[in-house]
C-alpha atoms as a PDB file:
ATOM      1  CA  MET A   1      80.826 160.288 116.030  1.00  0.00           C
ATOM      2  CA  MET A   2      82.509 160.398 112.584  1.00  0.00           C
ATOM      3  CA  MET A   3      85.109 157.854 113.751  1.00  0.00           C
ATOM      4  CA  THR A   4      82.325 155.474 114.802  1.00  0.00           C
ATOM      5  CA  ALA A   5      80.698 155.743 111.399  1.00  0.00           C
ATOM      6  CA  ILE A   6      84.013 155.064 109.660  1.00  0.00           C
ATOM      7  CA  ARG A   7      84.638 152.031 111.910  1.00  0.00           C
ATOM      8  CA  PHE A   8      81.126 150.769 111.200  1.00  0.00           C
ATOM      9  CA  THR A   9      81.632 151.181 107.413  1.00  0.00           C
ATOM     10  CA  ILE A  10      84.980 149.370 107.578  1.00  0.00           C
ATOM     11  CA  LEU A  11      83.510 146.540 109.655  1.00  0.00           C
ATOM     12  CA  ALA A  12      80.458 146.230 107.396  1.00  0.00           C
ATOM     13  CA  THR A  13      82.639 146.115 104.276  1.00  0.00           C
ATOM     14  CA  ALA A  14      84.947 143.514 105.817  1.00  0.00           C
ATOM     15  CA  GLY A  15      81.933 141.434 106.869  1.00  0.00           C
ATOM     16  CA  ALA A  16      80.490 141.557 103.393  1.00  0.00           C
ATOM     17  CA  LEU A  17      83.823 140.488 101.828  1.00  0.00           C
ATOM     18  CA  LEU A  18      84.170 137.613 104.228  1.00  0.00           C
ATOM     19  CA  ALA A  19      80.612 136.434 103.630  1.00  0.00           C
ATOM     20  CA  SER A  20      81.075 136.564  99.833  1.00  0.00           C
ATOM     21  CA  THR A  21      84.381 134.655 100.060  1.00  0.00           C
ATOM     22  CA  ALA A  22      82.853 132.052 102.365  1.00  0.00           C
ATOM     23  CA  GLY A  23      80.055 131.474  99.918  1.00  0.00           C
ATOM     24  CA  ALA A  24      82.377 131.079  96.968  1.00  0.00           C
ATOM     25  CA  GLN A  25      83.087 127.574  95.735  1.00  0.00           C
ATOM     26  CA  ASP A  26      86.103 126.212  93.938  1.00  0.00           C
ATOM     27  CA  MET A  27      84.567 124.656  90.877  1.00  0.00           C
ATOM     28  CA  SER A  28      87.924 123.847  89.225  1.00  0.00           C
ATOM     29  CA  ALA A  29      87.783 120.281  90.401  1.00  0.00           C
ATOM     30  CA  PHE A  30      84.330 119.669  88.816  1.00  0.00           C
ATOM     31  CA  ARG A  31      83.834 118.008  85.441  1.00  0.00           C
ATOM     32  CA  SER A  32      80.927 116.973  83.262  1.00  0.00           C
ATOM     33  CA  GLY A  33      80.293 113.602  81.654  1.00  0.00           C
ATOM     34  CA  PRO A  34      80.392 110.788  81.075  1.00  0.00           C
ATOM     35  CA  ILE A  35      76.759 110.989  80.007  1.00  0.00           C
ATOM     36  CA  PHE A  36      76.067 114.742  79.761  1.00  0.00           C
ATOM     37  CA  GLU A  37      79.060 116.707  78.678  1.00  0.00           C
ATOM     38  CA  GLU A  38      77.430 120.181  78.745  1.00  0.00           C
ATOM     39  CA  PHE A  39      75.846 120.113  82.180  1.00  0.00           C
ATOM     40  CA  GLY A  40      75.707 117.945  85.335  1.00  0.00           C
ATOM     41  CA  ALA A  41      79.225 118.713  86.589  1.00  0.00           C
ATOM     42  CA  HIS A  42      80.491 116.724  89.582  1.00  0.00           C
ATOM     43  CA  ALA A  43      83.778 116.379  91.394  1.00  0.00           C
ATOM     44  CA  PRO A  44      85.691 113.131  91.633  1.00  0.00           C
ATOM     45  CA  VAL A  45      86.103 111.904  95.136  1.00  0.00           C
ATOM     46  CA  GLU A  46      89.288 109.997  95.876  1.00  0.00           C
ATOM     47  CA  GLY A  47      88.901 107.016  98.122  1.00  0.00           C
ATOM     48  CA  VAL A  48      85.328 106.252  97.215  1.00  0.00           C
ATOM     49  CA  GLU A  49      84.892 102.756  95.862  1.00  0.00           C
ATOM     50  CA  THR A  50      83.100 102.180  92.579  1.00  0.00           C
ATOM     51  CA  PHE A  51      79.660 100.620  92.827  1.00  0.00           C
ATOM     52  CA  ALA A  52      78.819  97.043  91.948  1.00  0.00           C
ATOM     53  CA  PRO A  53      77.761  96.719  88.369  1.00  0.00           C
ATOM     54  CA  ASP A  54      74.236  95.629  89.389  1.00  0.00           C
ATOM     55  CA  THR A  55      73.698  98.701  91.612  1.00  0.00           C
ATOM     56  CA  ALA A  56      70.309 100.284  90.806  1.00  0.00           C
ATOM     57  CA  PHE A  57      68.660 103.600  91.639  1.00  0.00           C
ATOM     58  CA  ALA A  58      65.161 104.855  91.294  1.00  0.00           C
ATOM     59  CA  ILE A  59      65.304 108.516  92.403  1.00  0.00           C
ATOM     60  CA  ALA A  60      62.683 111.296  92.313  1.00  0.00           C
ATOM     61  CA  PHE A  61      63.838 114.912  92.490  1.00  0.00           C
ATOM     62  CA  ASP A  62      61.428 117.541  93.713  1.00  0.00           C
ATOM     63  CA  VAL A  63      61.814 120.979  92.084  1.00  0.00           C
ATOM     64  CA  ALA A  64      59.731 124.020  93.002  1.00  0.00           C
ATOM     65  CA  GLU A  65      62.190 126.878  92.475  1.00  0.00           C
ATOM     66  CA  GLN A  66      62.190 128.564  89.064  1.00  0.00           C
ATOM     67  CA  ALA A  67      65.577 129.374  87.467  1.00  0.00           C
ATOM     68  CA  ASP A  68      66.743 132.922  87.125  1.00  0.00           C
ATOM     69  CA  ALA A  69      66.070 134.263  83.592  1.00  0.00           C
ATOM     70  CA  GLY A  70      68.476 132.850  80.998  1.00  0.00           C
ATOM     71  CA  THR A  71      69.938 130.181  83.345  1.00  0.00           C
ATOM     72  CA  ARG A  72      69.394 126.431  83.805  1.00  0.00           C
ATOM     73  CA  ASN A  73      67.229 125.165  86.641  1.00  0.00           C
ATOM     74  CA  ARG A  74      69.615 123.933  89.327  1.00  0.00           C
ATOM     75  CA  GLY A  75      67.096 121.300  90.504  1.00  0.00           C
ATOM     76  CA  PHE A  76      66.871 119.887  86.977  1.00  0.00           C
ATOM     77  CA  GLU A  77      70.646 119.895  86.713  1.00  0.00           C
ATOM     78  CA  SER A  78      70.856 117.879  89.939  1.00  0.00           C
ATOM     79  CA  ALA A  79      69.292 115.000  88.010  1.00  0.00           C
ATOM     80  CA  ALA A  80      72.038 115.238  85.371  1.00  0.00           C
ATOM     81  CA  ARG A  81      74.704 115.550  88.076  1.00  0.00           C
ATOM     82  CA  PHE A  82      73.372 112.406  89.785  1.00  0.00           C
ATOM     83  CA  ILE A  83      73.519 110.456  86.511  1.00  0.00           C
ATOM     84  CA  ASN A  84      77.007 111.711  85.601  1.00  0.00           C
ATOM     85  CA  MET A  85      78.418 111.240  89.103  1.00  0.00           C
ATOM     86  CA  HIS A  86      77.239 107.593  89.411  1.00  0.00           C
ATOM     87  CA  ALA A  87      77.951 106.593  85.826  1.00  0.00           C
ATOM     88  CA  SER A  88      81.530 107.746  86.493  1.00  0.00           C
ATOM     89  CA  HIS A  89      81.648 105.382  89.445  1.00  0.00           C
ATOM     90  CA  ALA A  90      80.625 102.245  87.462  1.00  0.00           C
ATOM     91  CA  VAL A  91      76.811 102.315  87.890  1.00  0.00           C
ATOM     92  CA  ASP A  92      75.261 101.147  84.658  1.00  0.00           C
ATOM     93  CA  PRO A  93      73.180 104.054  83.324  1.00  0.00           C
ATOM     94  CA  ALA A  94      70.484 101.526  82.385  1.00  0.00           C
ATOM     95  CA  ASN A  95      70.090 100.872  86.132  1.00  0.00           C
ATOM     96  CA  MET A  96      69.257 104.550  86.934  1.00  0.00           C
ATOM     97  CA  ARG A  97      65.573 105.479  86.822  1.00  0.00           C
ATOM     98  CA  ILE A  98      65.278 109.197  87.366  1.00  0.00           C
ATOM     99  CA  ALA A  99      62.135 111.354  87.612  1.00  0.00           C
ATOM    100  CA  VAL A 100      61.871 115.126  88.248  1.00  0.00           C
ATOM    101  CA  VAL A 101      58.628 116.274  89.845  1.00  0.00           C
ATOM    102  CA  VAL A 102      58.159 119.930  89.022  1.00  0.00           C
ATOM    103  CA  HIS A 103      55.733 122.270  90.832  1.00  0.00           C
ATOM    104  CA  GLY A 104      55.369 125.896  91.801  1.00  0.00           C
ATOM    105  CA  LYS A 105      56.901 128.503  89.529  1.00  0.00           C
ATOM    106  CA  ALA A 106      59.394 125.927  88.287  1.00  0.00           C
ATOM    107  CA  VAL A 107      56.695 124.718  85.832  1.00  0.00           C
ATOM    108  CA  HIS A 108      57.855 127.718  83.707  1.00  0.00           C
ATOM    109  CA  ASP A 109      61.205 125.965  83.181  1.00  0.00           C
ATOM    110  CA  LEU A 110      59.388 123.207  81.307  1.00  0.00           C
ATOM    111  CA  LEU A 111      57.830 125.507  78.722  1.00  0.00           C
ATOM    112  CA  ASP A 112      58.528 124.737  75.094  1.00  0.00           C
ATOM    113  CA  ASP A 113      60.265 128.098  74.392  1.00  0.00           C
ATOM    114  CA  GLU A 114      63.814 127.541  73.217  1.00  0.00           C
ATOM    115  CA  ALA A 115      64.641 131.267  73.134  1.00  0.00           C
ATOM    116  CA  GLY A 116      63.180 132.231  76.570  1.00  0.00           C
ATOM    117  CA  ASN A 117      63.732 129.055  78.582  1.00  0.00           C
ATOM    118  CA  GLY A 118      67.296 128.635  79.730  1.00  0.00           C
ATOM    119  CA  SER A 119      66.566 125.048  80.778  1.00  0.00           C
ATOM    120  CA  HIS A 120      65.020 123.979  77.472  1.00  0.00           C
ATOM    121  CA  TYR A 121      68.088 122.326  75.900  1.00  0.00           C
ATOM    122  CA  MET A 122      68.963 120.463  79.179  1.00  0.00           C
ATOM    123  CA  VAL A 123      65.402 119.254  79.685  1.00  0.00           C
ATOM    124  CA  THR A 124      65.205 117.928  76.068  1.00  0.00           C
ATOM    125  CA  GLN A 125      68.523 116.133  76.498  1.00  0.00           C
ATOM    126  CA  LEU A 126      67.419 114.611  79.830  1.00  0.00           C
ATOM    127  CA  LEU A 127      64.078 113.534  78.275  1.00  0.00           C
ATOM    128  CA  ASP A 128      65.885 111.967  75.390  1.00  0.00           C
ATOM    129  CA  TYR A 129      68.027 110.033  77.858  1.00  0.00           C
ATOM    130  CA  GLY A 130      64.902 108.719  79.591  1.00  0.00           C
ATOM    131  CA  VAL A 131      64.605 111.013  82.607  1.00  0.00           C
ATOM    132  CA  ARG A 132      60.945 111.618  83.361  1.00  0.00           C
ATOM    133  CA  PHE A 133      59.709 115.189  83.981  1.00  0.00           C
ATOM    134  CA  ILE A 134      56.331 115.270  85.709  1.00  0.00           C
ATOM    135  CA  ALA A 135      54.657 118.643  86.016  1.00  0.00           C
ATOM    136  CA  CYS A 136      52.178 119.332  88.821  1.00  0.00           C
ATOM    137  CA  GLY A 137      48.713 119.911  87.302  1.00  0.00           C
ATOM    138  CA  GLN A 138      47.729 122.168  90.187  1.00  0.00           C
ATOM    139  CA  SER A 139      50.771 124.396  89.655  1.00  0.00           C
ATOM    140  CA  ALA A 140      50.250 124.419  85.939  1.00  0.00           C
ATOM    141  CA  ALA A 141      46.621 125.551  86.457  1.00  0.00           C
ATOM    142  CA  ALA A 142      47.690 128.186  88.948  1.00  0.00           C
ATOM    143  CA  HIS A 143      50.247 129.607  86.498  1.00  0.00           C
ATOM    144  CA  GLY A 144      48.033 129.423  83.424  1.00  0.00           C
ATOM    145  CA  VAL A 145      50.142 126.713  81.754  1.00  0.00           C
ATOM    146  CA  ALA A 146      48.449 124.114  79.548  1.00  0.00           C
ATOM    147  CA  LYS A 147      49.901 120.623  78.799  1.00  0.00           C
ATOM    148  CA  THR A 148      50.448 121.761  75.171  1.00  0.00           C
ATOM    149  CA  ASP A 149      52.745 124.566  76.470  1.00  0.00           C
ATOM    150  CA  PHE A 150      55.290 122.046  77.833  1.00  0.00           C
ATOM    151  CA  ILE A 151      58.266 120.610  76.065  1.00  0.00           C
ATOM    152  CA  PRO A 152      57.124 117.428  74.270  1.00  0.00           C
ATOM    153  CA  GLY A 153      57.632 114.486  76.577  1.00  0.00           C
ATOM    154  CA  VAL A 154      56.871 116.290  79.812  1.00  0.00           C
ATOM    155  CA  GLU A 155      54.140 114.463  81.752  1.00  0.00           C
ATOM    156  CA  LEU A 156      51.288 116.096  83.595  1.00  0.00           C
ATOM    157  CA  ALA A 157      50.065 114.757  86.919  1.00  0.00           C
ATOM    158  CA  LEU A 158      47.010 115.697  88.907  1.00  0.00           C
ATOM    159  CA  SER A 159      49.381 117.181  91.455  1.00  0.00           C
ATOM    160  CA  ALA A 160      53.054 116.956  92.615  1.00  0.00           C
ATOM    161  CA  MET A 161      51.773 115.116  95.724  1.00  0.00           C
ATOM    162  CA  THR A 162      50.096 112.564  93.440  1.00  0.00           C
ATOM    163  CA  ALA A 163      53.251 112.176  91.283  1.00  0.00           C
ATOM    164  CA  HIS A 164      55.445 111.545  94.347  1.00  0.00           C
ATOM    165  CA  ALA A 165      52.948 109.046  95.869  1.00  0.00           C
ATOM    166  CA  GLN A 166      52.869 107.090  92.575  1.00  0.00           C
ATOM    167  CA  LEU A 167      56.663 107.203  92.206  1.00  0.00           C
ATOM    168  CA  GLN A 168      57.081 105.926  95.781  1.00  0.00           C
ATOM    169  CA  GLN A 169      54.686 103.122  95.054  1.00  0.00           C
ATOM    170  CA  ALA A 170      56.908 102.243  92.006  1.00  0.00           C
ATOM    171  CA  GLY A 171      59.983 102.067  94.281  1.00  0.00           C
ATOM    172  CA  TYR A 172      61.468 105.593  93.803  1.00  0.00           C
ATOM    173  CA  THR A 173      62.932 107.397  96.788  1.00  0.00           C
ATOM    174  CA  VAL A 174      62.898 111.175  96.997  1.00  0.00           C
ATOM    175  CA  ASN A 175      66.254 112.909  96.797  1.00  0.00           C
ATOM    176  CA  PRO A 176      66.233 115.853  99.209  1.00  0.00           C
ATOM    177  CA  PHE A 177      68.752 117.918  97.256  1.00  0.00           C
END
């Protein structure tokens, strides 16, 4: 009986180690820039051709997950990564229209609280660059957040569904990542 317990413990420990190793990513190949140097890291991919100079993107990101305390929202950072990645492959940044539709608990990552919001700096930099952040009015109401609580420049829509419908009508596609 004791030997079975020891074997189980050894197998469980080995399984946990393998799972954690499998989930680990080698981030050494990733770099930031050329637009955002402090976030939006991406990896160069050899063999991928650069895009034609007139390539244009209109992309909407959908973000519902709130960041862990003191960290940047990964969904917001995806917008920065998209811009950096494509700018590094010859897409004119002026030809990238990016919107981030925010709903659920993620509306808290748009609060104008520099000390308590780990995404604050990144959001302000993205807004300054021209990225649109559109908060779901339904989520804001559900979480007791008023428009005046948001970082200046954050837009408020009736709902995330409304924002996505309007963005699609304006030629945006939804990025599923």
